[in-house]
Amino acid sequence: MLIDLLSCYHHFYLPLPDDYRKFKTNLNSLFPVLYDTKFISHEMKRMEFRDVVDNISLQNLYMTFQDKKDLAFKPTICLETGGMYDKDGVHHAHDAGWDAFMTGFCFIKMMHFLKAAGNKSIEHYSNAELMNVAAPFKNKINIGRAFVPYLQLEWSRSSIEQTSSSCCIIYQQITIKFESFGFVIGRSWYF
């Protein structure tokens, strides 16, 4: 999502600024409310829902939540029959319309699952109830493989939380552990 936001900003608004705070302020004014399903699925994995969101690619999330036999994945969301995505029964990953559908589908399913706290729930939740569940995820954009796990659009840089780790591993330690398997190069990255 971050790359998409950077691209939209640059191509449809202004060239990307040199100042990080200016970028965040402008982006937040352009898109005051954003939800990143990748960030939400990462958080669900941290919240002990790893069995539900084991593989967090959009296509895999969609396939997981499409399971109609499991009441925990309510509500039922169906495509209109005879539409352009119903012609051959094939999913069209990376088609903008299909990806938008999958994203909305997964967002609704994840919010329902979190509201039901993972229980097999047949209860119907209102949009307001589901959006209350979504509130902690508002304007947090996943940053893959980074020291800081997400970009918080509404707060200052100092409020970004670092992923906690039980220990610190030095890259030389990794190199030593794996050198018996053959040639290994360990590198460190500093930001």
Foldseek 3Di string as FASTA:
>chain_A
DVVVLQVCCPPPPHNDDPDPLVNLVVSCVVPVWDFDQLVLLVVCVVVVVCVQSVDPDLVVLLVSLQPPVQQLQDDDDDDDDPDPCNPPVDQDPPPVVSSVVSVVSSLQRSLSNVLVVNDNDNDDDDPVSSVVSCVVRIQWAADPPDQQGTDRSPDDPVPGDGDDDPDDDDQVVVQVVCPVVDDDDTDDDDD
